[in-house]
Amino acid sequence: MSKEKIPKLFPAKVQRIVDDQIAKNSDLKQKDIASKLEQTPAGLSHILTGKTKTPSRAFLSALRREYHVDPNWVMDDLLPVDFKRRYLSEGKGAQKSLDEYEELWKAMKEKGCVKEMKMLLLEFSPKELDLTLNLIRKISSSAKS
């Protein structure tokens, strides 16, 4: 996944995650969250204030890994800050690496249907995502032959 311009709602969505985590554990501090997300406190502050212009793959992966945050929600301004399904349940692929869907992402970008596909993929189960990825691989390999 290449770096993209920061969505307008990105800082507010990250703030929502921080607030959610502090609400779950009142002893938790923003610096603790920054550490879990592989950021310095200043780095997290820059994200929250919008000074960071491109979210890194490492940051998105850390959000997913540490707090089970759906990266599609984080990156899509069409999904509101209070979107109910902003967290992935552990049974729905919360631990999957973003790299597993890199090929699928590239194919969507090439076809120019990223926004529509992102909305559709939010509804897919992990099994449906895997089937879709396998189908794209088969199509890609047959097209190269």
Protein backbone atom coordinates (compact mmCIF):
# COMPACT_ATOMS: atom_id res chain seq x y z
CA MET A 1 0.00 0.00 0.00
CA SER A 2 1.46 3.31 -0.98
CA LYS A 3 1.21 6.36 1.18
CA GLU A 4 -1.87 8.39 0.39
CA LYS A 5 -2.93 11.90 1.24
CA ILE A 6 -4.34 11.98 4.73
CA PRO A 7 -8.15 11.79 4.88
CA LYS A 8 -9.77 14.81 6.53
CA LEU A 9 -11.32 12.70 9.29
CA PHE A 10 -8.10 10.80 10.07
CA PRO A 11 -7.08 12.91 13.12
CA ALA A 12 -10.61 12.77 14.57
CA LYS A 13 -10.79 9.01 14.07
CA VAL A 14 -7.44 8.45 15.78
CA GLN A 15 -8.61 10.72 18.61
CA ARG A 16 -11.73 8.56 18.89
CA ILE A 17 -9.55 5.45 19.28
CA VAL A 18 -7.45 7.18 21.95
CA ASP A 19 -10.61 8.28 23.80
CA ASP A 20 -12.11 4.77 23.54
CA GLN A 21 -8.97 3.21 25.01
CA ILE A 22 -8.76 5.71 27.87
CA ALA A 23 -12.47 5.15 28.60
CA LYS A 24 -11.75 1.40 28.90
CA ASN A 25 -8.78 1.97 31.20
CA SER A 26 -8.67 5.26 33.09
CA ASP A 27 -5.04 4.62 34.13
CA LEU A 28 -3.97 4.63 30.48
CA LYS A 29 -2.19 7.74 29.25
CA GLN A 30 -1.77 9.06 25.73
CA LYS A 31 1.97 8.28 25.93
CA ASP A 32 1.11 4.61 26.63
CA ILE A 33 -1.08 4.51 23.55
CA ALA A 34 1.66 6.18 21.50
CA SER A 35 4.11 3.51 22.60
CA LYS A 36 1.73 0.68 21.61
CA LEU A 37 1.26 2.33 18.23
CA GLU A 38 5.03 2.59 17.72
CA GLN A 39 4.92 6.39 17.94
CA THR A 40 6.59 8.92 20.17
CA PRO A 41 4.17 11.02 22.22
CA ALA A 42 5.02 13.93 19.90
CA GLY A 43 4.39 11.74 16.84
CA LEU A 44 0.94 10.79 18.11
CA SER A 45 0.27 14.43 18.92
CA HIS A 46 1.15 15.37 15.33
CA ILE A 47 -1.31 12.77 14.07
CA LEU A 48 -4.05 14.05 16.38
CA THR A 49 -3.52 17.68 15.35
CA GLY A 50 -3.33 16.89 11.63
CA LYS A 51 0.33 17.85 11.28
CA THR A 52 1.13 14.37 9.96
CA LYS A 53 0.16 14.47 6.30
CA THR A 54 0.51 10.78 5.42
CA PRO A 55 -0.37 7.89 7.71
CA SER A 56 2.30 5.21 7.51
CA ARG A 57 1.62 1.56 6.83
CA ALA A 58 3.30 0.79 10.17
CA PHE A 59 0.88 3.08 12.00
CA LEU A 60 -2.18 1.56 10.30
CA SER A 61 -0.86 -1.93 11.02
CA ALA A 62 -0.25 -1.04 14.68
CA LEU A 63 -3.80 0.33 15.01
CA ARG A 64 -5.13 -2.95 13.63
CA ARG A 65 -2.79 -5.18 15.65
CA GLU A 66 -3.01 -3.40 19.02
CA TYR A 67 -6.59 -2.14 19.06
CA HIS A 68 -8.30 -4.16 16.30
CA VAL A 69 -9.18 -0.99 14.40
CA ASP A 70 -10.46 -1.44 10.86
CA PRO A 71 -7.99 0.45 8.62
CA ASN A 72 -10.74 0.95 6.03
CA TRP A 73 -12.68 3.01 8.56
CA VAL A 74 -9.60 5.06 9.44
CA MET A 75 -8.78 5.90 5.83
CA ASP A 76 -12.27 6.45 4.39
CA ASP A 77 -13.90 9.85 4.92
CA LEU A 78 -17.21 8.36 3.79
CA LEU A 79 -17.33 6.41 7.06
CA PRO A 80 -18.17 8.64 10.04
CA VAL A 81 -16.07 9.02 13.18
CA ASP A 82 -18.81 7.29 15.19
CA PHE A 83 -19.09 4.34 12.77
CA LYS A 84 -20.23 1.38 14.87
CA ARG A 85 -18.04 -1.15 13.08
CA ARG A 86 -14.75 0.70 13.48
CA TYR A 87 -13.33 -2.24 15.45
CA LEU A 88 -12.76 -5.71 14.06
CA SER A 89 -13.71 -8.61 16.27
CA GLU A 90 -10.91 -11.12 16.81
CA GLY A 91 -12.96 -13.72 14.97
CA LYS A 92 -13.21 -11.52 11.89
CA GLY A 93 -9.58 -11.27 10.86
CA ALA A 94 -8.36 -8.67 13.33
CA GLN A 95 -4.86 -10.13 13.22
CA LYS A 96 -4.54 -10.30 9.44
CA SER A 97 -1.69 -8.31 8.01
CA LEU A 98 -2.44 -5.48 5.62
CA ASP A 99 0.10 -7.10 3.31
CA GLU A 100 -2.28 -10.02 2.74
CA TYR A 101 -4.57 -7.72 0.81
CA GLU A 102 -1.91 -5.74 -1.04
CA GLU A 103 -2.60 -7.58 -4.29
CA LEU A 104 -6.33 -6.97 -3.98
CA TRP A 105 -5.71 -3.27 -3.28
CA LYS A 106 -3.49 -2.90 -6.35
CA ALA A 107 -6.11 -4.52 -8.58
CA MET A 108 -8.82 -2.21 -7.24
CA LYS A 109 -6.64 0.86 -7.85
CA GLU A 110 -5.87 -0.25 -11.40
CA LYS A 111 -9.57 -0.61 -12.16
CA GLY A 112 -10.41 2.80 -10.64
CA CYS A 113 -13.03 1.43 -8.29
CA VAL A 114 -11.33 1.86 -4.94
CA LYS A 115 -14.08 3.78 -3.10
CA GLU A 116 -16.84 1.45 -4.25
CA MET A 117 -14.79 -1.65 -3.47
CA LYS A 118 -13.77 -0.40 -0.02
CA MET A 119 -17.42 0.05 0.90
CA LEU A 120 -18.26 -3.41 -0.42
CA LEU A 121 -15.28 -5.07 1.27
CA LEU A 122 -16.41 -3.71 4.65
CA GLU A 123 -19.33 -6.11 4.39
CA PHE A 124 -17.18 -9.16 3.54
CA SER A 125 -16.28 -11.84 6.04
CA PRO A 126 -12.61 -12.92 6.25
CA LYS A 127 -13.49 -16.02 4.23
CA GLU A 128 -15.10 -13.90 1.52
CA LEU A 129 -12.03 -11.63 1.45
CA ASP A 130 -9.74 -14.64 1.04
CA LEU A 131 -11.91 -16.04 -1.75
CA THR A 132 -11.87 -12.67 -3.50
CA LEU A 133 -8.09 -12.42 -3.19
CA ASN A 134 -7.65 -15.95 -4.57
CA LEU A 135 -9.93 -15.15 -7.49
CA ILE A 136 -7.94 -12.01 -8.32
CA ARG A 137 -4.71 -14.02 -8.16
CA LYS A 138 -6.12 -16.59 -10.59
CA ILE A 139 -7.35 -13.91 -12.96
CA SER A 140 -4.02 -12.07 -12.78
CA SER A 141 -1.98 -15.21 -13.43
CA SER A 142 -4.17 -16.31 -16.36
CA ALA A 143 -3.99 -12.82 -17.86
CA LYS A 144 -0.18 -12.94 -17.72
CA SER A 145 -0.07 -16.32 -19.52
